[in-house]
Amino acid sequence: MKRNKEAVRLLFEEVFNNGRVELLQDLVSDDYVGARGEKGAAAFQAQTAGLIAAFPDIQYQLKELIGEDDIVAVRWTWNGTHNAPFNAIPATGISVASEGMGIYGCRDGKIVSGNIQTDRLGFLQQLGILPVNPVVAAAAGSGSPLTEASAGK
């Protein structure tokens, strides 16, 4: 269990924060399967490369790291500046703070699976892709009762 927690900690603190992608060979199992069926460390790197390229100064802060048997749960925040395109979103130069959590399956000190949940809505709102209050933004100028009620009419 201790080796599994250490692998996940190193993933964030060394690979993501310090760009030491060569460590993925030691941290990710050959049995790891990526979203498109790719395997091993290369699959893991392919899934994270876009975020790291778009936010080259990305820094994760681990808030919680909990391990039980072959499962490691982690909660984090990260900060970074959007300096390159990400998922068809052109670079904005905006500094973003985001949070997320993941549950990693591990075996013998290596990551074999991952289930990640992040605040995608907050992320897109910070980049200006989505409005902060979509209900009010959608109703603005439409003459809807929602707009009139919010204006005190």
N, C-alpha and C. Protein backbone atom coordinates (compact mmCIF):
# COMPACT_ATOMS: atom_id res chain seq x y z
N MET A 1 0.83 -1.19 0.00
CA MET A 1 0.00 0.00 0.00
C MET A 1 0.87 1.26 0.00
N LYS A 2 1.95 1.24 0.76
CA LYS A 2 2.83 2.40 0.83
C LYS A 2 3.46 2.71 -0.53
N ARG A 3 3.84 1.67 -1.25
CA ARG A 3 4.43 1.85 -2.59
C ARG A 3 3.41 2.43 -3.56
N ASN A 4 2.16 2.02 -3.43
CA ASN A 4 1.11 2.53 -4.31
C ASN A 4 0.88 4.03 -4.08
N LYS A 5 0.81 4.43 -2.83
CA LYS A 5 0.64 5.86 -2.50
C LYS A 5 1.83 6.66 -3.01
N GLU A 6 3.01 6.12 -2.85
CA GLU A 6 4.22 6.81 -3.31
C GLU A 6 4.20 6.99 -4.82
N ALA A 7 3.72 5.99 -5.55
CA ALA A 7 3.65 6.09 -7.02
C ALA A 7 2.73 7.23 -7.43
N VAL A 8 1.58 7.34 -6.79
CA VAL A 8 0.63 8.40 -7.13
C VAL A 8 1.19 9.76 -6.72
N ARG A 9 1.81 9.84 -5.56
CA ARG A 9 2.42 11.11 -5.12
C ARG A 9 3.49 11.56 -6.12
N LEU A 10 4.35 10.64 -6.54
CA LEU A 10 5.40 10.98 -7.50
C LEU A 10 4.82 11.40 -8.85
N LEU A 11 3.70 10.79 -9.23
CA LEU A 11 3.05 11.16 -10.48
C LEU A 11 2.74 12.65 -10.49
N PHE A 12 2.17 13.14 -9.41
CA PHE A 12 1.81 14.56 -9.35
C PHE A 12 3.01 15.46 -9.09
N GLU A 13 3.80 15.13 -8.10
CA GLU A 13 4.88 16.03 -7.68
C GLU A 13 6.08 16.03 -8.62
N GLU A 14 6.37 14.91 -9.24
CA GLU A 14 7.55 14.85 -10.12
C GLU A 14 7.19 14.89 -11.61
N VAL A 15 6.23 14.06 -12.02
CA VAL A 15 5.88 14.02 -13.44
C VAL A 15 5.15 15.29 -13.84
N PHE A 16 4.02 15.58 -13.20
CA PHE A 16 3.23 16.74 -13.59
C PHE A 16 3.91 18.06 -13.22
N ASN A 17 4.35 18.19 -11.98
CA ASN A 17 4.91 19.48 -11.53
C ASN A 17 6.30 19.76 -12.07
N ASN A 18 7.10 18.73 -12.26
CA ASN A 18 8.50 18.94 -12.65
C ASN A 18 8.82 18.42 -14.05
N GLY A 19 7.81 17.91 -14.76
CA GLY A 19 8.02 17.48 -16.13
C GLY A 19 8.87 16.24 -16.31
N ARG A 20 9.01 15.44 -15.28
CA ARG A 20 9.87 14.25 -15.36
C ARG A 20 9.09 13.05 -15.93
N VAL A 21 8.71 13.16 -17.20
CA VAL A 21 7.90 12.13 -17.84
C VAL A 21 8.61 10.79 -17.93
N GLU A 22 9.93 10.79 -17.85
CA GLU A 22 10.67 9.52 -17.89
C GLU A 22 10.31 8.62 -16.71
N LEU A 23 9.81 9.20 -15.62
CA LEU A 23 9.40 8.41 -14.46
C LEU A 23 8.14 7.59 -14.72
N LEU A 24 7.39 7.93 -15.74
CA LEU A 24 6.16 7.19 -16.03
C LEU A 24 6.44 5.70 -16.24
N GLN A 25 7.60 5.37 -16.79
CA GLN A 25 7.95 3.96 -16.98
C GLN A 25 8.00 3.21 -15.65
N ASP A 26 8.39 3.91 -14.58
CA ASP A 26 8.47 3.29 -13.26
C ASP A 26 7.16 3.37 -12.49
N LEU A 27 6.28 4.28 -12.87
CA LEU A 27 5.06 4.53 -12.10
C LEU A 27 3.80 3.93 -12.70
N VAL A 28 3.81 3.67 -14.00
CA VAL A 28 2.62 3.18 -14.69
C VAL A 28 2.88 1.77 -15.21
N SER A 29 1.97 0.87 -14.90
CA SER A 29 2.08 -0.53 -15.31
C SER A 29 1.88 -0.69 -16.82
N ASP A 30 2.52 -1.70 -17.38
CA ASP A 30 2.28 -2.06 -18.79
C ASP A 30 0.83 -2.46 -19.00
N ASP A 31 0.12 -2.83 -17.93
CA ASP A 31 -1.28 -3.24 -18.00
C ASP A 31 -2.24 -2.05 -18.03
N TYR A 32 -1.75 -0.83 -17.80
CA TYR A 32 -2.61 0.35 -17.83
C TYR A 32 -3.19 0.48 -19.23
N VAL A 33 -4.50 0.75 -19.32
CA VAL A 33 -5.17 0.93 -20.61
C VAL A 33 -5.73 2.34 -20.68
N GLY A 34 -5.34 3.06 -21.73
CA GLY A 34 -5.81 4.43 -21.93
C GLY A 34 -7.21 4.47 -22.53
N ALA A 35 -7.73 5.66 -22.70
CA ALA A 35 -9.09 5.86 -23.18
C ALA A 35 -9.31 5.30 -24.59
N ARG A 36 -8.28 5.24 -25.39
CA ARG A 36 -8.41 4.73 -26.77
C ARG A 36 -7.83 3.33 -26.93
N GLY A 37 -7.63 2.65 -25.80
CA GLY A 37 -7.14 1.28 -25.85
C GLY A 37 -5.63 1.14 -25.83
N GLU A 38 -4.89 2.25 -25.83
CA GLU A 38 -3.44 2.18 -25.77
C GLU A 38 -3.03 1.64 -24.40
N LYS A 39 -1.83 1.10 -24.33
CA LYS A 39 -1.39 0.50 -23.07
C LYS A 39 -0.11 1.13 -22.54
N GLY A 40 0.06 1.01 -21.23
CA GLY A 40 1.30 1.36 -20.56
C GLY A 40 1.53 2.85 -20.36
N ALA A 41 2.77 3.18 -20.07
CA ALA A 41 3.16 4.55 -19.76
C ALA A 41 2.88 5.50 -20.93
N ALA A 42 3.05 5.03 -22.16
CA ALA A 42 2.79 5.88 -23.32
C ALA A 42 1.32 6.27 -23.39
N ALA A 43 0.44 5.35 -23.03
CA ALA A 43 -0.99 5.66 -23.01
C ALA A 43 -1.30 6.72 -21.97
N PHE A 44 -0.70 6.57 -20.80
CA PHE A 44 -0.92 7.55 -19.73
C PHE A 44 -0.41 8.92 -20.16
N GLN A 45 0.78 8.95 -20.73
CA GLN A 45 1.36 10.21 -21.17
C GLN A 45 0.50 10.86 -22.25
N ALA A 46 -0.04 10.08 -23.17
CA ALA A 46 -0.88 10.62 -24.24
C ALA A 46 -2.12 11.30 -23.67
N GLN A 47 -2.67 10.75 -22.59
CA GLN A 47 -3.88 11.32 -21.99
C GLN A 47 -3.60 12.65 -21.29
N THR A 48 -2.40 12.86 -20.81
CA THR A 48 -2.09 14.06 -20.03
C THR A 48 -1.29 15.10 -20.81
N ALA A 49 -0.75 14.73 -21.95
CA ALA A 49 0.14 15.61 -22.71
C ALA A 49 -0.52 16.92 -23.11
N GLY A 50 -1.79 16.88 -23.52
CA GLY A 50 -2.47 18.09 -23.97
C GLY A 50 -2.61 19.13 -22.87
N LEU A 51 -2.96 18.68 -21.68
CA LEU A 51 -3.11 19.60 -20.55
C LEU A 51 -1.75 20.23 -20.19
N ILE A 52 -0.74 19.41 -20.15
CA ILE A 52 0.59 19.89 -19.76
C ILE A 52 1.15 20.85 -20.83
N ALA A 53 0.89 20.55 -22.09
CA ALA A 53 1.36 21.44 -23.17
C ALA A 53 0.62 22.78 -23.14
N ALA A 54 -0.69 22.74 -22.86
CA ALA A 54 -1.49 23.96 -22.86
C ALA A 54 -1.23 24.82 -21.63
N PHE A 55 -0.86 24.18 -20.53
CA PHE A 55 -0.59 24.87 -19.27
C PHE A 55 0.84 24.51 -18.83
N PRO A 56 1.85 25.04 -19.50
CA PRO A 56 3.22 24.59 -19.25
C PRO A 56 3.73 24.90 -17.84
N ASP A 57 3.10 25.82 -17.15
CA ASP A 57 3.53 26.14 -15.78
C ASP A 57 2.64 25.46 -14.74
N ILE A 58 1.88 24.45 -15.15
CA ILE A 58 0.95 23.78 -14.25
C ILE A 58 1.64 23.26 -12.99
N GLN A 59 0.97 23.48 -11.87
CA GLN A 59 1.48 23.01 -10.58
C GLN A 59 0.32 22.45 -9.78
N TYR A 60 0.45 21.20 -9.39
CA TYR A 60 -0.55 20.52 -8.58
C TYR A 60 -0.17 20.63 -7.11
N GLN A 61 -1.17 20.81 -6.27
CA GLN A 61 -1.00 20.73 -4.82
C GLN A 61 -1.92 19.61 -4.35
N LEU A 62 -1.33 18.60 -3.74
CA LEU A 62 -2.13 17.49 -3.24
C LEU A 62 -2.77 17.89 -1.92
N LYS A 63 -4.07 17.76 -1.84
CA LYS A 63 -4.81 18.10 -0.63
C LYS A 63 -5.02 16.88 0.24
N GLU A 64 -5.26 15.73 -0.40
CA GLU A 64 -5.43 14.48 0.33
C GLU A 64 -4.89 13.35 -0.53
N LEU A 65 -4.26 12.39 0.12
CA LEU A 65 -3.74 11.20 -0.54
C LEU A 65 -4.00 10.03 0.41
N ILE A 66 -4.93 9.16 0.03
CA ILE A 66 -5.37 8.09 0.91
C ILE A 66 -5.23 6.76 0.18
N GLY A 67 -4.62 5.79 0.83
CA GLY A 67 -4.45 4.49 0.21
C GLY A 67 -5.03 3.37 1.05
N GLU A 68 -5.67 2.43 0.39
CA GLU A 68 -6.24 1.25 1.03
C GLU A 68 -6.06 0.09 0.07
N ASP A 69 -5.29 -0.90 0.47
CA ASP A 69 -5.00 -2.05 -0.38
C ASP A 69 -4.43 -1.57 -1.72
N ASP A 70 -5.11 -1.88 -2.82
CA ASP A 70 -4.60 -1.51 -4.15
C ASP A 70 -5.28 -0.27 -4.73
N ILE A 71 -5.95 0.50 -3.87
CA ILE A 71 -6.64 1.72 -4.31
C ILE A 71 -6.00 2.94 -3.64
N VAL A 72 -5.74 3.97 -4.45
CA VAL A 72 -5.23 5.23 -3.92
C VAL A 72 -6.16 6.34 -4.40
N ALA A 73 -6.70 7.09 -3.44
CA ALA A 73 -7.56 8.23 -3.75
C ALA A 73 -6.78 9.51 -3.49
N VAL A 74 -6.93 10.46 -4.38
CA VAL A 74 -6.21 11.72 -4.26
C VAL A 74 -7.15 12.86 -4.62
N ARG A 75 -7.01 13.96 -3.89
CA ARG A 75 -7.75 15.20 -4.19
C ARG A 75 -6.71 16.29 -4.36
N TRP A 76 -6.88 17.12 -5.38
CA TRP A 76 -5.87 18.12 -5.69
C TRP A 76 -6.50 19.43 -6.12
N THR A 77 -5.65 20.45 -6.14
CA THR A 77 -5.93 21.69 -6.87
C THR A 77 -4.73 21.90 -7.78
N TRP A 78 -4.95 22.58 -8.86
CA TRP A 78 -3.82 22.95 -9.70
C TRP A 78 -4.01 24.37 -10.21
N ASN A 79 -2.89 24.98 -10.54
CA ASN A 79 -2.86 26.33 -11.09
C ASN A 79 -1.98 26.29 -12.33
N GLY A 80 -2.36 27.07 -13.32
CA GLY A 80 -1.54 27.15 -14.52
C GLY A 80 -2.08 28.22 -15.45
N THR A 81 -1.25 28.60 -16.41
CA THR A 81 -1.61 29.64 -17.37
C THR A 81 -1.85 29.01 -18.73
N HIS A 82 -2.98 29.33 -19.33
CA HIS A 82 -3.39 28.76 -20.62
C HIS A 82 -2.61 29.42 -21.76
N ASN A 83 -1.44 28.86 -22.06
CA ASN A 83 -0.53 29.47 -23.04
C ASN A 83 -0.48 28.77 -24.38
N ALA A 84 -1.24 27.71 -24.57
CA ALA A 84 -1.28 26.99 -25.85
C ALA A 84 -2.69 26.40 -26.00
N PRO A 85 -3.07 26.04 -27.23
CA PRO A 85 -4.41 25.48 -27.43
C PRO A 85 -4.65 24.24 -26.57
N PHE A 86 -5.90 24.09 -26.12
CA PHE A 86 -6.30 22.93 -25.34
C PHE A 86 -7.70 22.50 -25.78
N ASN A 87 -7.83 21.28 -26.26
CA ASN A 87 -9.12 20.76 -26.72
C ASN A 87 -9.86 21.76 -27.62
N ALA A 88 -9.18 22.26 -28.62
CA ALA A 88 -9.72 23.20 -29.61
C ALA A 88 -10.01 24.59 -29.04
N ILE A 89 -9.56 24.86 -27.82
CA ILE A 89 -9.71 26.20 -27.23
C ILE A 89 -8.38 26.93 -27.44
N PRO A 90 -8.38 28.00 -28.23
CA PRO A 90 -7.13 28.73 -28.45
C PRO A 90 -6.58 29.29 -27.14
N ALA A 91 -5.29 29.45 -27.09
CA ALA A 91 -4.64 29.99 -25.89
C ALA A 91 -5.27 31.33 -25.51
N THR A 92 -5.52 31.49 -24.20
CA THR A 92 -6.14 32.73 -23.71
C THR A 92 -5.19 33.57 -22.88
N GLY A 93 -4.12 32.96 -22.38
CA GLY A 93 -3.22 33.67 -21.47
C GLY A 93 -3.79 33.82 -20.07
N ILE A 94 -4.92 33.19 -19.81
CA ILE A 94 -5.59 33.30 -18.52
C ILE A 94 -5.02 32.30 -17.54
N SER A 95 -4.79 32.76 -16.30
CA SER A 95 -4.36 31.86 -15.23
C SER A 95 -5.60 31.19 -14.65
N VAL A 96 -5.52 29.88 -14.51
CA VAL A 96 -6.64 29.07 -14.07
C VAL A 96 -6.28 28.35 -12.78
N ALA A 97 -7.25 28.21 -11.90
CA ALA A 97 -7.12 27.36 -10.71
C ALA A 97 -8.25 26.34 -10.81
N SER A 98 -7.91 25.07 -10.70
CA SER A 98 -8.92 24.04 -10.85
C SER A 98 -8.71 22.97 -9.79
N GLU A 99 -9.75 22.20 -9.56
CA GLU A 99 -9.62 21.12 -8.58
C GLU A 99 -10.19 19.84 -9.14
N GLY A 100 -9.78 18.75 -8.55
CA GLY A 100 -10.26 17.46 -9.01
C GLY A 100 -9.90 16.38 -8.01
N MET A 101 -10.30 15.17 -8.36
CA MET A 101 -9.97 14.02 -7.54
C MET A 101 -9.88 12.80 -8.44
N GLY A 102 -9.13 11.83 -7.97
CA GLY A 102 -8.98 10.63 -8.76
C GLY A 102 -8.87 9.41 -7.86
N ILE A 103 -9.28 8.29 -8.40
CA ILE A 103 -9.11 7.02 -7.73
C ILE A 103 -8.27 6.17 -8.66
N TYR A 104 -7.10 5.79 -8.18
CA TYR A 104 -6.16 5.02 -8.97
C TYR A 104 -6.12 3.58 -8.47
N GLY A 105 -6.21 2.65 -9.40
CA GLY A 105 -5.96 1.26 -9.08
C GLY A 105 -4.48 1.01 -9.26
N CYS A 106 -3.88 0.34 -8.30
CA CYS A 106 -2.43 0.10 -8.34
C CYS A 106 -2.13 -1.37 -8.07
N ARG A 107 -1.00 -1.80 -8.57
CA ARG A 107 -0.53 -3.14 -8.29
C ARG A 107 0.99 -3.11 -8.25
N ASP A 108 1.54 -3.59 -7.15
CA ASP A 108 3.01 -3.66 -6.99
C ASP A 108 3.69 -2.31 -7.19
N GLY A 109 3.04 -1.24 -6.70
CA GLY A 109 3.65 0.09 -6.76
C GLY A 109 3.54 0.77 -8.11
N LYS A 110 2.67 0.27 -8.98
CA LYS A 110 2.46 0.88 -10.30
C LYS A 110 0.97 1.12 -10.54
N ILE A 111 0.66 2.18 -11.26
CA ILE A 111 -0.72 2.54 -11.57
C ILE A 111 -1.22 1.64 -12.70
N VAL A 112 -2.38 1.01 -12.48
CA VAL A 112 -2.97 0.16 -13.51
C VAL A 112 -4.29 0.73 -14.05
N SER A 113 -4.89 1.66 -13.32
CA SER A 113 -6.14 2.29 -13.79
C SER A 113 -6.32 3.63 -13.10
N GLY A 114 -7.17 4.45 -13.68
CA GLY A 114 -7.47 5.74 -13.08
C GLY A 114 -8.87 6.20 -13.44
N ASN A 115 -9.55 6.77 -12.47
CA ASN A 115 -10.87 7.35 -12.67
C ASN A 115 -10.79 8.76 -12.12
N ILE A 116 -10.86 9.74 -13.00
CA ILE A 116 -10.62 11.14 -12.63
C ILE A 116 -11.90 11.96 -12.78
N GLN A 117 -12.16 12.82 -11.81
CA GLN A 117 -13.27 13.77 -11.87
C GLN A 117 -12.70 15.16 -11.60
N THR A 118 -12.99 16.10 -12.49
CA THR A 118 -12.49 17.46 -12.31
C THR A 118 -13.63 18.46 -12.46
N ASP A 119 -13.39 19.67 -12.03
CA ASP A 119 -14.37 20.75 -12.14
C ASP A 119 -14.28 21.36 -13.54
N ARG A 120 -14.85 20.67 -14.51
CA ARG A 120 -14.77 21.13 -15.89
C ARG A 120 -15.57 22.41 -16.11
N LEU A 121 -16.70 22.53 -15.42
CA LEU A 121 -17.52 23.73 -15.56
C LEU A 121 -16.74 24.96 -15.09
N GLY A 122 -16.18 24.89 -13.89
CA GLY A 122 -15.40 26.01 -13.37
C GLY A 122 -14.21 26.33 -14.26
N PHE A 123 -13.57 25.31 -14.79
CA PHE A 123 -12.43 25.47 -15.70
C PHE A 123 -12.85 26.28 -16.93
N LEU A 124 -13.94 25.88 -17.57
CA LEU A 124 -14.41 26.56 -18.77
C LEU A 124 -14.91 27.97 -18.46
N GLN A 125 -15.49 28.17 -17.28
CA GLN A 125 -15.92 29.51 -16.89
C GLN A 125 -14.71 30.42 -16.68
N GLN A 126 -13.67 29.93 -16.07
CA GLN A 126 -12.47 30.75 -15.86
C GLN A 126 -11.83 31.15 -17.18
N LEU A 127 -11.89 30.28 -18.17
CA LEU A 127 -11.32 30.60 -19.48
C LEU A 127 -12.23 31.52 -20.30
N GLY A 128 -13.46 31.78 -19.80
CA GLY A 128 -14.39 32.64 -20.51
C GLY A 128 -15.14 31.91 -21.61
N ILE A 129 -15.05 30.59 -21.66
CA ILE A 129 -15.75 29.80 -22.67
C ILE A 129 -17.24 29.70 -22.34
N LEU A 130 -17.56 29.58 -21.05
CA LEU A 130 -18.94 29.53 -20.58
C LEU A 130 -19.16 30.67 -19.59
N PRO A 131 -20.38 31.20 -19.54
CA PRO A 131 -20.66 32.27 -18.58
C PRO A 131 -20.65 31.73 -17.15
N VAL A 132 -20.34 32.62 -16.20
CA VAL A 132 -20.30 32.23 -14.80
C VAL A 132 -21.70 31.87 -14.31
N ASN A 133 -22.72 32.60 -14.75
CA ASN A 133 -24.10 32.28 -14.39
C ASN A 133 -24.88 32.04 -15.68
N PRO A 134 -24.89 30.79 -16.17
CA PRO A 134 -25.51 30.53 -17.48
C PRO A 134 -27.00 30.83 -17.54
N VAL A 135 -27.73 30.71 -16.45
CA VAL A 135 -29.17 30.96 -16.46
C VAL A 135 -29.43 32.44 -16.73
N VAL A 136 -28.74 33.30 -16.02
CA VAL A 136 -28.92 34.74 -16.21
C VAL A 136 -28.41 35.15 -17.58
N ALA A 137 -27.27 34.59 -18.02
CA ALA A 137 -26.71 34.94 -19.32
C ALA A 137 -27.66 34.53 -20.44
N ALA A 138 -28.29 33.36 -20.33
CA ALA A 138 -29.20 32.89 -21.37
C ALA A 138 -30.47 33.75 -21.42
N ALA A 139 -30.89 34.22 -20.27
CA ALA A 139 -32.12 35.00 -20.21
C ALA A 139 -31.89 36.48 -20.52
N ALA A 140 -30.69 36.95 -20.42
CA ALA A 140 -30.40 38.37 -20.61
C ALA A 140 -30.86 38.84 -21.98
N GLY A 141 -31.64 39.89 -21.97
CA GLY A 141 -32.10 40.49 -23.22
C GLY A 141 -33.19 39.71 -23.93
N SER A 142 -33.66 38.64 -23.32
CA SER A 142 -34.68 37.84 -24.02
C SER A 142 -36.09 38.26 -23.66
N GLY A 143 -36.23 39.17 -22.70
CA GLY A 143 -37.56 39.58 -22.28
C GLY A 143 -38.27 38.50 -21.48
N SER A 144 -37.52 37.54 -21.00
CA SER A 144 -38.14 36.45 -20.24
C SER A 144 -38.47 36.92 -18.84
N PRO A 145 -39.42 36.23 -18.18
CA PRO A 145 -39.76 36.58 -16.80
C PRO A 145 -38.54 36.50 -15.88
N LEU A 146 -37.61 35.61 -16.18
CA LEU A 146 -36.41 35.48 -15.35
C LEU A 146 -35.61 36.78 -15.38
N THR A 147 -35.47 37.35 -16.59
CA THR A 147 -34.72 38.60 -16.72
C THR A 147 -35.45 39.73 -16.00
N GLU A 148 -36.75 39.81 -16.16
CA GLU A 148 -37.52 40.87 -15.53
C GLU A 148 -37.51 40.73 -14.01
N ALA A 149 -37.59 39.48 -13.52
CA ALA A 149 -37.58 39.25 -12.08
C ALA A 149 -36.24 39.63 -11.50
N SER A 150 -35.15 39.29 -12.20
CA SER A 150 -33.84 39.62 -11.67
C SER A 150 -33.56 41.11 -11.73
N ALA A 151 -34.29 41.82 -12.62
CA ALA A 151 -34.12 43.27 -12.71
C ALA A 151 -35.05 44.00 -11.76
N GLY A 152 -35.87 43.25 -10.99
CA GLY A 152 -36.75 43.87 -10.02
C GLY A 152 -38.03 44.43 -10.63
N LYS A 153 -38.43 43.93 -11.79
CA LYS A 153 -39.65 44.43 -12.46
C LYS A 153 -40.87 43.67 -12.01
